N, C-alpha and C. Protein backbone atom coordinates (compact mmCIF):
# COMPACT_ATOMS: atom_id res chain seq x y z
N UNK A 1 -11.15 -35.19 18.60
CA UNK A 1 -11.88 -36.32 19.17
C UNK A 1 -12.91 -35.29 20.23
N UNK A 2 -14.11 -36.37 20.19
CA UNK A 2 -15.20 -35.68 20.69
C UNK A 2 -15.09 -35.58 22.04
N UNK A 3 -15.22 -34.69 22.62
CA UNK A 3 -15.05 -34.31 24.47
C UNK A 3 -14.07 -34.00 24.48
N UNK A 4 -12.86 -33.86 23.49
CA UNK A 4 -11.44 -33.25 24.03
C UNK A 4 -11.90 -31.94 24.07
N UNK A 5 -11.27 -31.56 25.33
CA UNK A 5 -10.97 -29.99 25.41
C UNK A 5 -10.30 -29.43 24.88
N UNK A 6 -10.64 -28.09 24.50
CA UNK A 6 -9.85 -27.56 23.73
C UNK A 6 -9.68 -26.01 23.93
N UNK A 7 -8.28 -25.28 24.03
CA UNK A 7 -8.13 -24.09 25.00
C UNK A 7 -9.03 -22.84 23.77
N UNK A 8 -9.44 -22.20 24.65
CA UNK A 8 -10.51 -21.28 24.04
C UNK A 8 -9.52 -20.20 23.20
N UNK A 9 -10.04 -19.64 21.81
CA UNK A 9 -9.42 -19.10 20.95
C UNK A 9 -10.11 -18.10 20.68
N UNK A 10 -9.66 -16.64 20.15
CA UNK A 10 -10.30 -15.57 19.65
C UNK A 10 -9.77 -15.30 18.82
N UNK A 11 -10.12 -16.13 17.37
CA UNK A 11 -9.42 -16.07 16.10
C UNK A 11 -9.17 -14.54 15.43
N UNK A 12 -10.15 -13.74 15.96
CA UNK A 12 -10.46 -11.85 15.42
C UNK A 12 -9.44 -11.23 16.01
N UNK A 13 -9.15 -11.89 17.39
CA UNK A 13 -8.19 -10.67 18.42
C UNK A 13 -9.45 -9.60 18.75
N UNK A 14 -10.61 -9.95 18.98
CA UNK A 14 -11.54 -8.74 19.37
C UNK A 14 -11.85 -9.34 20.83
N UNK A 15 -12.19 -8.20 21.51
CA UNK A 15 -12.70 -8.65 22.80
C UNK A 15 -11.70 -8.30 23.79
N UNK A 16 -11.99 -8.28 25.04
CA UNK A 16 -11.15 -8.03 26.07
C UNK A 16 -11.61 -9.00 27.10
N UNK A 17 -10.32 -10.03 27.88
CA UNK A 17 -10.86 -10.27 29.19
C UNK A 17 -10.88 -9.30 30.46
N UNK A 18 -11.18 -9.80 31.70
CA UNK A 18 -11.05 -8.96 32.79
C UNK A 18 -9.90 -8.51 32.95
N UNK A 19 -8.88 -9.98 32.75
CA UNK A 19 -7.43 -9.04 33.22
C UNK A 19 -6.81 -8.09 32.00
N UNK A 20 -7.12 -8.20 30.93
CA UNK A 20 -6.46 -6.94 29.92
C UNK A 20 -7.22 -5.65 30.11
N UNK A 21 -8.28 -5.78 30.99
CA UNK A 21 -9.02 -4.22 31.41
C UNK A 21 -8.36 -3.82 32.32
N UNK A 22 -8.10 -4.75 33.41
CA UNK A 22 -7.26 -4.22 34.41
C UNK A 22 -6.09 -3.75 33.94
N UNK A 23 -5.30 -4.49 33.63
CA UNK A 23 -4.14 -4.11 32.89
C UNK A 23 -3.99 -2.68 32.04
N UNK A 24 -5.02 -2.48 31.14
CA UNK A 24 -5.07 -1.29 30.50
C UNK A 24 -5.41 0.15 31.64
N UNK A 25 -6.11 -0.44 32.52
CA UNK A 25 -6.41 0.65 33.31
C UNK A 25 -5.45 1.08 34.20
N UNK A 26 -4.81 0.19 34.35
CA UNK A 26 -3.14 0.40 35.15
C UNK A 26 -2.06 1.11 34.10
N UNK A 27 -2.29 0.53 33.15
CA UNK A 27 -1.21 1.39 31.87
C UNK A 27 -1.71 3.14 31.92
N UNK A 28 -3.16 3.19 31.84
CA UNK A 28 -3.66 4.48 31.81
C UNK A 28 -3.43 5.49 33.11
N UNK A 29 -3.25 4.79 34.20
CA UNK A 29 -3.45 5.65 35.29
C UNK A 29 -1.61 5.75 35.65
N UNK A 30 -0.69 4.97 35.45
CA UNK A 30 0.85 4.94 35.56
C UNK A 30 0.88 6.25 34.32
N UNK A 31 0.80 5.93 33.31
CA UNK A 31 0.84 6.75 32.16
C UNK A 31 0.72 8.40 32.55
N UNK A 32 -0.61 8.70 32.98
CA UNK A 32 -0.98 9.74 33.35
C UNK A 32 -0.02 10.29 34.43
N UNK A 33 0.19 9.58 35.36
CA UNK A 33 1.27 10.00 36.66
C UNK A 33 2.46 10.31 36.22
N UNK A 34 2.96 9.27 35.41
CA UNK A 34 4.31 9.42 34.88
C UNK A 34 4.50 10.78 34.11
N UNK A 35 3.49 11.11 33.13
CA UNK A 35 3.37 12.31 32.67
C UNK A 35 3.41 13.24 33.34
N UNK A 36 2.72 13.87 34.49
CA UNK A 36 2.42 14.51 35.36
C UNK A 36 3.59 14.74 36.11
N UNK A 37 4.47 13.62 36.36
CA UNK A 37 5.81 14.36 37.34
C UNK A 37 6.82 14.63 36.20
N UNK A 38 6.62 14.31 35.20
CA UNK A 38 8.08 14.93 33.83
C UNK A 38 7.44 16.21 34.26
N UNK A 39 6.30 16.77 33.69
CA UNK A 39 6.01 18.16 33.53
C UNK A 39 6.49 18.69 35.18
N UNK A 40 6.05 18.26 36.36
CA UNK A 40 6.35 18.93 37.48
C UNK A 40 7.76 19.35 37.70
N UNK A 41 8.78 18.54 36.92
CA UNK A 41 10.51 18.70 36.68
C UNK A 41 11.18 18.69 38.16
N UNK A 42 12.49 18.71 38.22
CA UNK A 42 12.98 18.38 39.34
C UNK A 42 13.49 16.59 39.21
N UNK A 43 14.66 16.50 39.78
CA UNK A 43 15.54 15.35 39.12
C UNK A 43 14.77 14.00 39.84
N UNK A 44 14.18 14.04 40.91
CA UNK A 44 13.27 12.66 41.53
C UNK A 44 12.23 12.91 40.66
N UNK A 45 11.54 13.76 40.63
CA UNK A 45 9.96 13.67 40.16
C UNK A 45 10.43 13.10 38.35
N UNK A 46 11.30 13.83 37.75
CA UNK A 46 11.38 13.05 36.29
C UNK A 46 12.13 11.60 36.59
N UNK A 47 12.93 11.36 37.17
CA UNK A 47 13.11 9.78 37.54
C UNK A 47 11.76 8.91 37.81
N UNK A 48 11.16 9.68 39.01
CA UNK A 48 9.81 8.79 38.83
C UNK A 48 8.79 8.43 37.69
N UNK A 49 8.99 9.92 37.21
CA UNK A 49 8.13 9.77 35.92
C UNK A 49 8.33 9.00 35.06
N UNK A 50 9.72 8.60 34.74
CA UNK A 50 10.21 7.78 33.64
C UNK A 50 9.98 6.16 34.04
N UNK A 51 10.19 6.17 35.50
CA UNK A 51 9.95 4.64 35.94
C UNK A 51 8.41 4.51 35.61
N UNK A 52 7.45 5.58 35.94
CA UNK A 52 6.15 5.15 35.70
C UNK A 52 5.76 4.51 34.51
N UNK A 53 6.29 5.67 33.69
CA UNK A 53 5.86 5.22 32.11
C UNK A 53 6.47 4.22 31.74
N UNK A 54 7.35 3.67 32.11
CA UNK A 54 8.17 2.28 31.95
C UNK A 54 7.22 1.24 32.27
N UNK A 55 6.61 1.48 33.75
CA UNK A 55 5.65 0.51 34.30
C UNK A 55 4.23 0.33 33.44
N UNK A 56 4.10 1.58 33.01
CA UNK A 56 2.72 1.79 31.55
C UNK A 56 3.08 0.88 30.75
N UNK A 57 4.21 1.14 29.88
CA UNK A 57 4.44 0.10 29.17
C UNK A 57 4.10 -1.56 29.09
N UNK A 58 5.19 -1.57 30.16
CA UNK A 58 5.05 -3.09 30.69
C UNK A 58 3.71 -3.86 31.10
N UNK A 59 2.86 -2.86 31.27
CA UNK A 59 1.44 -3.00 31.61
C UNK A 59 0.60 -3.41 30.22
N UNK A 60 0.93 -2.55 29.34
CA UNK A 60 0.15 -2.68 27.92
C UNK A 60 0.57 -3.61 27.23
N UNK A 61 1.97 -4.00 27.00
CA UNK A 61 2.46 -5.11 26.71
C UNK A 61 1.97 -6.29 27.44
N UNK A 62 1.78 -6.87 28.58
CA UNK A 62 1.15 -7.76 29.18
C UNK A 62 0.00 -8.08 28.48
N UNK A 63 -0.67 -6.73 28.61
CA UNK A 63 -2.43 -6.88 28.10
C UNK A 63 -2.57 -7.04 26.99
N UNK A 64 -1.54 -6.57 25.90
CA UNK A 64 -1.79 -7.08 24.29
C UNK A 64 -0.99 -8.16 24.05
N UNK A 65 0.14 -8.45 24.61
CA UNK A 65 1.10 -9.33 23.73
C UNK A 65 0.46 -10.72 23.75
N UNK A 66 -0.45 -11.22 24.81
CA UNK A 66 -0.66 -12.54 24.72
C UNK A 66 -2.03 -12.77 23.59
N UNK A 67 -2.31 -11.79 22.99
CA UNK A 67 -3.56 -12.03 21.90
C UNK A 67 -3.02 -12.32 20.65
N UNK A 68 -3.89 -12.79 20.05
CA UNK A 68 -3.51 -13.34 18.64
C UNK A 68 -3.88 -12.41 17.34
N UNK A 69 -2.48 -11.93 17.01
CA UNK A 69 -1.72 -11.09 16.02
C UNK A 69 -1.56 -11.84 14.95
N UNK A 70 -1.05 -10.71 13.95
CA UNK A 70 -0.53 -11.42 12.45
C UNK A 70 -1.56 -11.18 11.43
N UNK A 71 -1.05 -11.39 10.16
CA UNK A 71 -1.92 -11.18 9.22
C UNK A 71 -2.71 -12.91 8.74
N UNK A 72 -2.15 -13.77 9.16
CA UNK A 72 -2.84 -15.19 9.36
C UNK A 72 -4.27 -15.07 10.02
N UNK A 73 -4.05 -14.18 10.97
CA UNK A 73 -5.10 -14.26 12.01
C UNK A 73 -6.18 -12.96 11.80
N UNK A 74 -5.72 -11.84 11.33
CA UNK A 74 -6.45 -10.63 11.43
C UNK A 74 -6.50 -10.57 9.99
N UNK A 75 -5.96 -10.74 8.64
CA UNK A 75 -5.96 -10.45 7.45
C UNK A 75 -5.00 -9.53 7.47
N UNK A 76 -5.15 -8.56 5.98
CA UNK A 76 -4.19 -7.78 5.63
C UNK A 76 -3.96 -6.54 6.48
N UNK A 77 -4.93 -6.39 7.31
CA UNK A 77 -4.68 -5.15 7.96
C UNK A 77 -4.86 -5.49 9.64
N UNK A 78 -3.31 -6.10 9.53
CA UNK A 78 -2.97 -6.66 11.00
C UNK A 78 -2.09 -5.77 11.99
N UNK A 79 -1.43 -6.14 13.34
CA UNK A 79 -1.43 -5.06 14.30
C UNK A 79 -0.29 -4.07 13.74
N UNK A 80 0.93 -4.65 12.76
CA UNK A 80 1.87 -3.89 12.48
C UNK A 80 1.24 -2.77 11.49
N UNK A 81 0.32 -3.25 10.93
CA UNK A 81 -0.24 -2.26 9.76
C UNK A 81 -0.82 -1.42 10.36
N UNK A 82 -1.81 -1.48 11.22
CA UNK A 82 -2.54 -0.48 11.93
C UNK A 82 -1.90 0.36 12.87
N UNK A 83 -0.48 -0.14 13.01
CA UNK A 83 0.33 1.04 14.06
C UNK A 83 0.80 1.73 13.17
N UNK A 84 1.33 1.40 11.87
CA UNK A 84 2.03 1.99 11.04
C UNK A 84 0.97 3.20 9.79
N UNK A 85 -0.15 2.42 10.06
CA UNK A 85 -1.38 3.66 9.06
C UNK A 85 -1.82 4.60 10.50
N UNK A 86 -1.90 4.20 11.75
CA UNK A 86 -2.09 5.08 12.40
C UNK A 86 -1.44 6.08 13.04
N UNK A 87 0.04 5.51 12.75
CA UNK A 87 1.05 6.90 13.23
C UNK A 87 0.92 7.80 12.00
N UNK A 88 0.51 7.36 10.61
CA UNK A 88 0.62 8.21 9.53
C UNK A 88 -0.92 8.91 9.73
N UNK A 89 -2.03 8.51 10.24
CA UNK A 89 -2.87 9.15 10.01
C UNK A 89 -2.79 10.03 11.37
N UNK A 90 -2.32 9.75 12.32
CA UNK A 90 -2.22 10.73 13.52
C UNK A 90 -1.16 11.98 13.33
N UNK A 91 -0.34 11.58 12.26
CA UNK A 91 0.79 12.81 11.84
C UNK A 91 -0.38 13.83 11.22
N UNK A 92 -1.24 13.25 10.23
CA UNK A 92 -1.97 13.94 9.48
C UNK A 92 -3.08 14.69 9.99
N UNK A 93 -3.57 14.06 11.16
CA UNK A 93 -4.58 14.83 12.25
C UNK A 93 -3.83 16.15 12.96
N UNK A 94 -2.89 15.60 13.22
CA UNK A 94 -2.24 16.58 14.28
C UNK A 94 -1.99 17.81 13.27
N UNK A 95 -1.47 17.65 12.01
CA UNK A 95 -1.41 18.98 11.20
C UNK A 95 -2.60 19.74 10.90
N UNK A 96 -3.50 18.66 10.68
CA UNK A 96 -4.88 18.97 10.37
C UNK A 96 -5.56 19.91 11.61
N UNK A 97 -5.49 19.39 12.93
CA UNK A 97 -5.99 19.85 13.86
C UNK A 97 -5.50 21.27 13.96
N UNK A 98 -4.23 21.68 13.79
CA UNK A 98 -3.17 22.94 13.83
C UNK A 98 -3.80 23.83 12.91
N UNK A 99 -4.50 23.16 11.74
CA UNK A 99 -5.05 24.28 10.57
C UNK A 99 -6.36 24.42 11.22
N UNK A 100 -7.04 23.78 11.85
CA UNK A 100 -8.52 24.15 12.05
C UNK A 100 -8.37 25.02 13.42
N UNK A 101 -7.23 25.03 14.13
CA UNK A 101 -6.86 25.95 15.16
C UNK A 101 -6.77 27.24 14.83
N UNK A 102 -5.84 27.35 13.60
CA UNK A 102 -5.41 29.03 13.02
C UNK A 102 -6.66 29.44 12.49
N UNK A 103 -7.74 28.28 11.77
CA UNK A 103 -8.75 28.84 11.14
C UNK A 103 -9.89 29.19 11.66
N UNK A 104 -9.78 28.99 13.29
CA UNK A 104 -10.74 29.32 14.05
C UNK A 104 -10.49 30.97 14.57
N UNK A 105 -9.15 30.97 14.30
CA UNK A 105 -8.85 32.75 14.79
C UNK A 105 -9.10 33.45 13.53
N UNK A 106 -8.82 33.05 12.30
CA UNK A 106 -8.86 33.56 11.00
C UNK A 106 -10.33 34.06 10.85
N UNK A 107 -11.12 33.08 11.02
CA UNK A 107 -12.72 33.18 10.79
C UNK A 107 -13.44 34.24 11.54
N UNK A 108 -12.71 34.09 12.89
CA UNK A 108 -13.07 34.83 14.22
C UNK A 108 -14.30 34.21 14.41
N UNK A 109 -14.20 32.81 14.53
CA UNK A 109 -15.18 31.97 15.45
C UNK A 109 -14.78 31.79 16.88
N UNK A 110 -13.38 31.87 16.96
CA UNK A 110 -12.64 31.48 18.69
C UNK A 110 -13.39 33.00 19.34
N UNK A 111 -13.41 33.86 18.70
CA UNK A 111 -13.69 35.32 19.23
C UNK A 111 -15.13 35.38 19.57
N UNK A 112 -15.61 34.85 18.55
CA UNK A 112 -17.61 34.75 18.39
C UNK A 112 -17.90 34.21 19.53
N UNK A 113 -17.22 33.17 19.97
CA UNK A 113 -17.68 32.09 20.99
C UNK A 113 -17.00 32.43 22.05
N UNK A 114 -16.24 33.46 22.19
CA UNK A 114 -15.40 33.89 23.73
C UNK A 114 -14.68 32.73 23.88
N UNK A 115 -13.95 31.98 23.13
CA UNK A 115 -12.67 31.34 23.60
C UNK A 115 -11.64 31.92 23.99
N UNK A 116 -10.88 31.50 25.03
CA UNK A 116 -9.45 32.23 24.83
C UNK A 116 -8.45 31.12 24.44
N UNK A 117 -8.99 29.90 23.50
CA UNK A 117 -7.64 29.30 23.10
C UNK A 117 -6.48 30.08 22.38
N UNK A 118 -5.56 29.83 22.21
CA UNK A 118 -4.40 30.26 21.59
C UNK A 118 -4.84 29.82 20.08
N UNK A 119 -5.07 30.79 19.13
CA UNK A 119 -5.00 30.45 17.84
C UNK A 119 -3.89 30.77 17.15
N UNK A 120 -2.89 31.31 17.67
CA UNK A 120 -1.42 32.02 16.99
C UNK A 120 -0.44 30.78 17.45
N UNK A 121 -0.13 29.71 16.47
CA UNK A 121 0.72 28.68 16.73
C UNK A 121 2.20 29.00 16.55
N UNK A 122 3.15 28.70 16.82
CA UNK A 122 4.57 29.08 17.00
C UNK A 122 5.03 27.73 16.11
N UNK A 123 6.18 27.45 15.47
CA UNK A 123 6.69 26.74 14.76
C UNK A 123 6.84 25.41 16.15
N UNK A 124 7.18 25.75 17.32
CA UNK A 124 7.14 24.51 18.15
C UNK A 124 5.95 24.24 18.45
N UNK A 125 4.92 24.69 18.53
CA UNK A 125 3.46 24.37 18.80
C UNK A 125 3.11 23.50 17.86
N UNK A 126 3.58 24.05 16.12
CA UNK A 126 3.18 22.69 15.33
C UNK A 126 3.85 21.63 15.44
N UNK A 127 5.16 21.57 16.28
CA UNK A 127 5.73 20.09 16.21
C UNK A 127 5.02 19.49 17.46
N UNK A 128 4.51 20.06 18.57
CA UNK A 128 3.80 19.99 19.57
C UNK A 128 2.59 19.22 18.97
N UNK A 129 2.28 19.54 18.15
CA UNK A 129 0.69 19.03 17.63
C UNK A 129 0.90 18.12 16.66
N UNK A 130 1.71 18.08 16.10
CA UNK A 130 2.64 16.76 15.26
C UNK A 130 2.75 15.72 16.37
N UNK A 131 3.31 15.81 17.25
CA UNK A 131 3.76 14.95 18.21
C UNK A 131 2.57 14.01 18.73
N UNK A 132 1.42 15.15 19.05
CA UNK A 132 0.07 14.70 20.02
C UNK A 132 -0.44 13.63 18.71
N UNK A 133 -0.63 14.13 17.45
CA UNK A 133 -1.07 13.35 16.75
C UNK A 133 -0.43 11.98 16.78
N UNK A 134 0.72 11.89 16.70
CA UNK A 134 1.30 10.59 16.16
C UNK A 134 0.93 9.39 17.56
N UNK A 135 0.91 10.42 18.81
CA UNK A 135 0.99 9.34 20.04
C UNK A 135 -0.92 8.96 19.92
N UNK A 136 -1.43 9.57 19.52
CA UNK A 136 -2.97 9.55 19.81
C UNK A 136 -3.12 8.50 18.27
N UNK A 137 -2.62 8.71 17.41
CA UNK A 137 -2.69 7.89 16.10
C UNK A 137 -2.37 6.33 16.64
N UNK A 138 -1.16 6.30 17.13
CA UNK A 138 -0.65 5.07 17.80
C UNK A 138 -1.48 4.27 18.79
N UNK A 139 -2.17 4.43 19.50
CA UNK A 139 -3.31 4.54 20.21
C UNK A 139 -4.57 3.99 19.55
N UNK A 140 -4.66 5.13 18.53
CA UNK A 140 -5.74 4.49 17.86
C UNK A 140 -5.49 3.32 17.26
N UNK A 141 -4.79 2.93 16.28
CA UNK A 141 -3.93 1.64 15.76
C UNK A 141 -3.87 0.59 16.64
N UNK A 142 -3.69 0.64 17.60
CA UNK A 142 -3.43 -0.37 18.83
C UNK A 142 -4.92 -0.71 19.22
N UNK A 143 -5.61 0.05 19.27
CA UNK A 143 -7.02 -0.20 20.05
C UNK A 143 -8.35 -0.32 18.71
N UNK A 144 -7.87 -0.36 17.52
CA UNK A 144 -8.87 -0.37 16.58
C UNK A 144 -10.06 -1.15 16.45
N UNK A 145 -9.42 -2.68 16.55
CA UNK A 145 -10.52 -3.59 16.65
C UNK A 145 -11.40 -3.66 17.63
N UNK A 146 -10.84 -2.96 19.04
CA UNK A 146 -11.91 -3.04 20.25
C UNK A 146 -12.81 -1.63 20.00
N UNK A 147 -12.85 -0.80 19.21
CA UNK A 147 -13.52 0.59 19.08
C UNK A 147 -14.63 0.39 18.68
N UNK A 148 -15.77 0.57 18.99
CA UNK A 148 -17.15 0.35 18.36
C UNK A 148 -17.52 1.05 17.41
N UNK A 149 -18.14 1.15 16.13
CA UNK A 149 -18.06 1.33 15.21
C UNK A 149 -18.54 0.67 14.02
N UNK A 150 -19.79 1.06 13.04
CA UNK A 150 -19.63 0.43 11.96
C UNK A 150 -18.42 0.51 10.95
N UNK A 151 -18.09 1.83 10.95
CA UNK A 151 -17.25 2.39 10.01
C UNK A 151 -16.03 3.34 10.32
N UNK A 152 -15.09 3.78 9.46
CA UNK A 152 -14.15 4.50 10.32
C UNK A 152 -14.66 5.72 10.74
N UNK A 153 -15.96 6.05 10.31
CA UNK A 153 -16.44 7.64 10.78
C UNK A 153 -16.88 7.21 12.26
N UNK A 154 -17.75 6.11 12.68
CA UNK A 154 -18.05 5.88 14.25
C UNK A 154 -17.03 5.64 15.02
N UNK A 155 -16.02 4.74 14.19
CA UNK A 155 -14.92 4.37 15.21
C UNK A 155 -14.18 5.85 15.37
N UNK A 156 -13.86 6.86 14.63
CA UNK A 156 -13.29 7.94 14.64
C UNK A 156 -13.86 8.67 15.75
N UNK A 157 -15.23 8.97 15.64
CA UNK A 157 -15.96 9.84 16.55
C UNK A 157 -15.96 9.17 18.35
N UNK A 158 -16.29 7.75 18.03
CA UNK A 158 -15.82 7.31 19.55
C UNK A 158 -14.66 7.49 20.06
N UNK A 159 -13.68 7.39 19.29
CA UNK A 159 -12.16 7.70 19.81
C UNK A 159 -11.73 8.93 19.98
N UNK A 160 -12.58 9.98 19.30
CA UNK A 160 -12.26 11.50 19.60
C UNK A 160 -12.80 11.73 20.95
N UNK A 161 -13.79 11.16 21.62
CA UNK A 161 -14.74 11.25 22.79
C UNK A 161 -13.55 10.95 23.63
N UNK A 162 -12.60 9.55 23.65
CA UNK A 162 -11.30 9.70 24.33
C UNK A 162 -10.66 10.69 24.61
N UNK A 163 -10.29 11.15 23.70
CA UNK A 163 -8.87 12.50 23.17
C UNK A 163 -9.73 13.58 23.88
N UNK A 164 -10.80 13.95 23.69
CA UNK A 164 -11.70 15.31 24.50
C UNK A 164 -11.77 15.13 25.99
N UNK A 165 -12.24 13.79 26.10
CA UNK A 165 -12.18 13.78 27.68
C UNK A 165 -11.07 13.89 28.54
N UNK A 166 -9.83 13.38 27.53
CA UNK A 166 -8.43 13.81 28.38
C UNK A 166 -8.23 15.20 28.24
N UNK A 167 -8.41 16.20 27.29
CA UNK A 167 -8.06 17.32 27.05
C UNK A 167 -8.89 17.97 28.08
N UNK A 168 -10.22 17.77 28.56
CA UNK A 168 -11.09 18.76 28.96
C UNK A 168 -11.31 18.13 30.52
N UNK A 169 -10.76 16.93 30.70
CA UNK A 169 -10.83 16.13 32.37
C UNK A 169 -9.72 16.18 32.77
N UNK A 170 -8.69 15.94 32.05
CA UNK A 170 -7.38 16.15 32.74
C UNK A 170 -6.36 17.10 32.38
N UNK A 171 -6.26 17.33 31.42
CA UNK A 171 -5.15 18.34 30.65
C UNK A 171 -5.18 19.47 31.11
N UNK A 172 -6.51 20.16 30.28
CA UNK A 172 -7.14 21.54 31.24
C UNK A 172 -6.69 21.83 32.44
N UNK A 173 -7.47 21.10 33.16
CA UNK A 173 -7.48 21.38 35.14
C UNK A 173 -6.25 20.86 35.66
N UNK A 174 -5.55 20.06 35.19
CA UNK A 174 -4.35 19.29 36.20
C UNK A 174 -2.90 20.06 35.61
N UNK A 175 -3.16 20.06 34.13
CA UNK A 175 -1.77 20.24 33.32
C UNK A 175 -1.71 21.73 33.30
N UNK A 176 -2.95 22.25 32.53
CA UNK A 176 -2.98 23.27 32.08
C UNK A 176 -3.43 24.47 33.31
N UNK A 177 -4.23 24.05 34.12
CA UNK A 177 -4.60 25.20 35.54
C UNK A 177 -5.64 26.06 35.04
N UNK A 178 -6.59 25.76 33.81
CA UNK A 178 -7.88 26.59 33.55
C UNK A 178 -9.21 25.92 33.79
N UNK A 179 -9.17 24.65 34.61
CA UNK A 179 -10.29 24.75 35.20
C UNK A 179 -10.77 23.22 34.55
N UNK A 180 -11.82 22.38 34.96
CA UNK A 180 -12.54 21.37 33.90
C UNK A 180 -13.24 21.96 33.32
N UNK A 181 -13.19 21.22 31.86
CA UNK A 181 -13.68 21.51 30.55
C UNK A 181 -13.04 22.88 30.15
N UNK A 182 -12.08 23.28 30.47
CA UNK A 182 -11.10 24.66 30.27
C UNK A 182 -12.05 25.91 30.33
N UNK A 183 -13.00 25.82 31.33
CA UNK A 183 -13.89 26.88 31.49
C UNK A 183 -13.35 28.26 31.77
N UNK A 184 -11.90 28.31 32.27
CA UNK A 184 -11.64 29.81 32.32
C UNK A 184 -11.00 30.29 30.84
N UNK A 185 -10.75 29.17 29.82
CA UNK A 185 -11.03 29.46 28.23
C UNK A 185 -12.46 30.07 27.88
N UNK A 186 -13.28 29.85 28.45
CA UNK A 186 -14.58 30.36 27.90
C UNK A 186 -15.40 29.22 28.15
N UNK A 187 -16.87 29.08 28.07
CA UNK A 187 -17.95 28.47 28.68
C UNK A 187 -17.92 27.66 26.69
N UNK A 188 -17.70 28.08 25.89
CA UNK A 188 -17.66 27.32 24.51
C UNK A 188 -16.34 26.72 24.33
N UNK A 189 -15.45 26.49 24.98
CA UNK A 189 -13.98 25.79 24.51
C UNK A 189 -14.25 24.76 24.40
N UNK A 190 -15.17 24.18 25.45
CA UNK A 190 -15.17 22.58 25.06
C UNK A 190 -16.06 22.18 23.63
N UNK A 191 -16.96 23.15 23.31
CA UNK A 191 -17.63 22.91 21.78
C UNK A 191 -16.29 22.55 20.90
N UNK A 192 -15.69 23.64 20.83
CA UNK A 192 -14.48 23.59 19.89
C UNK A 192 -13.66 22.05 20.05
N UNK A 193 -13.23 22.12 21.45
CA UNK A 193 -12.32 20.79 21.41
C UNK A 193 -12.85 19.75 21.05
N UNK A 194 -14.15 19.80 21.20
CA UNK A 194 -14.98 18.45 20.70
C UNK A 194 -15.36 18.22 19.40
N UNK A 195 -15.21 19.41 18.68
CA UNK A 195 -15.45 19.17 16.85
C UNK A 195 -14.14 18.96 16.72
N UNK A 196 -13.35 19.73 16.98
CA UNK A 196 -11.70 19.54 16.44
C UNK A 196 -11.28 18.41 16.39
N UNK A 197 -11.22 17.80 18.19
CA UNK A 197 -11.02 16.24 18.17
C UNK A 197 -11.99 15.47 17.04
N UNK A 198 -13.27 15.51 16.68
CA UNK A 198 -13.75 14.64 16.13
C UNK A 198 -13.34 14.50 14.72
N UNK A 199 -13.08 15.60 13.94
CA UNK A 199 -12.53 15.79 12.44
C UNK A 199 -11.42 15.32 12.63
N UNK A 200 -10.43 15.60 13.45
CA UNK A 200 -9.17 15.11 13.23
C UNK A 200 -9.32 13.49 13.46
N UNK A 201 -10.01 13.01 14.46
CA UNK A 201 -10.05 11.32 14.37
C UNK A 201 -10.70 10.81 13.54
N UNK A 202 -11.50 11.53 12.86
CA UNK A 202 -12.14 10.94 11.54
C UNK A 202 -10.90 10.71 10.57
N UNK A 203 -10.47 11.93 10.50
CA UNK A 203 -9.39 11.78 9.71
C UNK A 203 -8.29 10.70 9.61
N UNK A 204 -7.54 10.38 10.85
CA UNK A 204 -6.93 9.45 11.22
C UNK A 204 -7.46 8.31 10.98
N UNK A 205 -8.68 8.09 11.43
CA UNK A 205 -9.38 6.71 11.01
C UNK A 205 -9.81 6.38 9.88
N UNK A 206 -9.87 7.35 8.84
CA UNK A 206 -10.15 7.07 7.48
C UNK A 206 -8.53 6.53 6.65
N UNK A 207 -7.57 7.04 7.29
CA UNK A 207 -6.16 6.46 6.98
C UNK A 207 -6.08 5.24 7.21
N UNK A 208 -6.58 4.79 8.41
CA UNK A 208 -6.30 3.17 8.70
C UNK A 208 -7.62 2.29 7.98
N UNK A 209 -8.58 2.66 7.66
CA UNK A 209 -9.62 2.48 7.11
C UNK A 209 -9.22 2.19 5.42
N UNK A 210 -8.47 3.12 4.90
CA UNK A 210 -7.98 3.40 3.50
C UNK A 210 -7.03 2.04 3.40
N UNK A 211 -6.22 1.85 4.45
CA UNK A 211 -5.38 0.35 4.09
C UNK A 211 -6.23 -0.35 3.96
N UNK A 212 -7.09 -0.93 4.68
CA UNK A 212 -7.97 -1.66 4.39
C UNK A 212 -8.50 -1.91 2.97
N UNK A 213 -9.24 -0.82 2.75
CA UNK A 213 -10.00 -0.97 1.30
C UNK A 213 -9.07 -0.99 0.05
N UNK A 214 -7.97 -0.43 0.07
CA UNK A 214 -7.33 -0.23 -0.96
C UNK A 214 -6.56 -1.53 -1.43
N UNK A 215 -6.97 -2.11 -2.96
CA UNK A 215 -6.26 -3.24 -3.23
C UNK A 215 -4.97 -3.71 -3.11
N UNK A 216 -4.06 -2.26 -3.36
CA UNK A 216 -2.98 -2.39 -3.26
C UNK A 216 -2.61 -2.15 -1.85
N UNK A 217 -3.01 -1.60 -0.89
CA UNK A 217 -2.51 -1.38 0.47
C UNK A 217 -1.14 -0.98 0.11
N UNK A 218 -1.00 0.40 -0.54
CA UNK A 218 0.61 0.68 -0.41
C UNK A 218 1.40 0.98 0.75
N UNK A 219 0.48 1.37 1.57
CA UNK A 219 1.60 1.36 3.18
C UNK A 219 1.36 0.32 3.76
N UNK A 220 0.47 -0.44 3.81
CA UNK A 220 0.20 -1.69 4.90
C UNK A 220 0.80 -2.91 4.21
N UNK A 221 1.06 -2.84 2.85
CA UNK A 221 0.98 -4.31 2.02
C UNK A 221 2.67 -4.56 2.54
N UNK A 222 3.75 -3.44 2.43
CA UNK A 222 5.00 -3.89 2.90
C UNK A 222 5.12 -4.54 4.18
N UNK A 223 4.06 -4.48 5.07
CA UNK A 223 4.15 -4.55 6.80
C UNK A 223 3.74 -5.83 6.90
N UNK A 224 3.23 -6.54 5.77
CA UNK A 224 2.47 -7.75 6.10
C UNK A 224 3.21 -8.99 5.40
N UNK A 225 4.12 -8.64 4.44
CA UNK A 225 4.84 -9.82 4.08
C UNK A 225 6.32 -9.63 3.93
């Protein structure tokens, strides 16, 4: 009927309103604070850290849960597909990043640039790289439609800036204690971080984009039917 009021619908699931932006900011703050408490140790700190992480997950669920998802709205590369592909891409990216780290040592690049980054990885550190890749890949799949970029290369590069900002501005100074931008590791450490994260993020983004391009979608097809 003409003049009938209709609720606003965002059919492709793109964009964020003000409430979602606030909730996502809360998610990031709570998540970082919770991770910091967990690293600090102690029963009270661990309990507080877990509670903060639960709060971060709740805020994220509210921010994204009310949006229009599903293959009917988003096509074959819907949220569930992006999350699965993101985790797969993140695993590959984490392993690839570990190989890049080793290569920086084998080729003498780290020594040439005067970087103090550890280029000898133990078995446990390989596992940590893998877990980090899974976490970042999950976030990449979750935010895929919100990330600027005309193709997977652009989206990967933009996302890599978020990862690098976390490493250089939060992880290095507050968790590792080597100063902002990892300055105590060497002045060129930030360059290695930016390049390594950019290559790894483009790889993870390429896996998600592959799920959209492949006519058979061997990974995403089972998730949308």
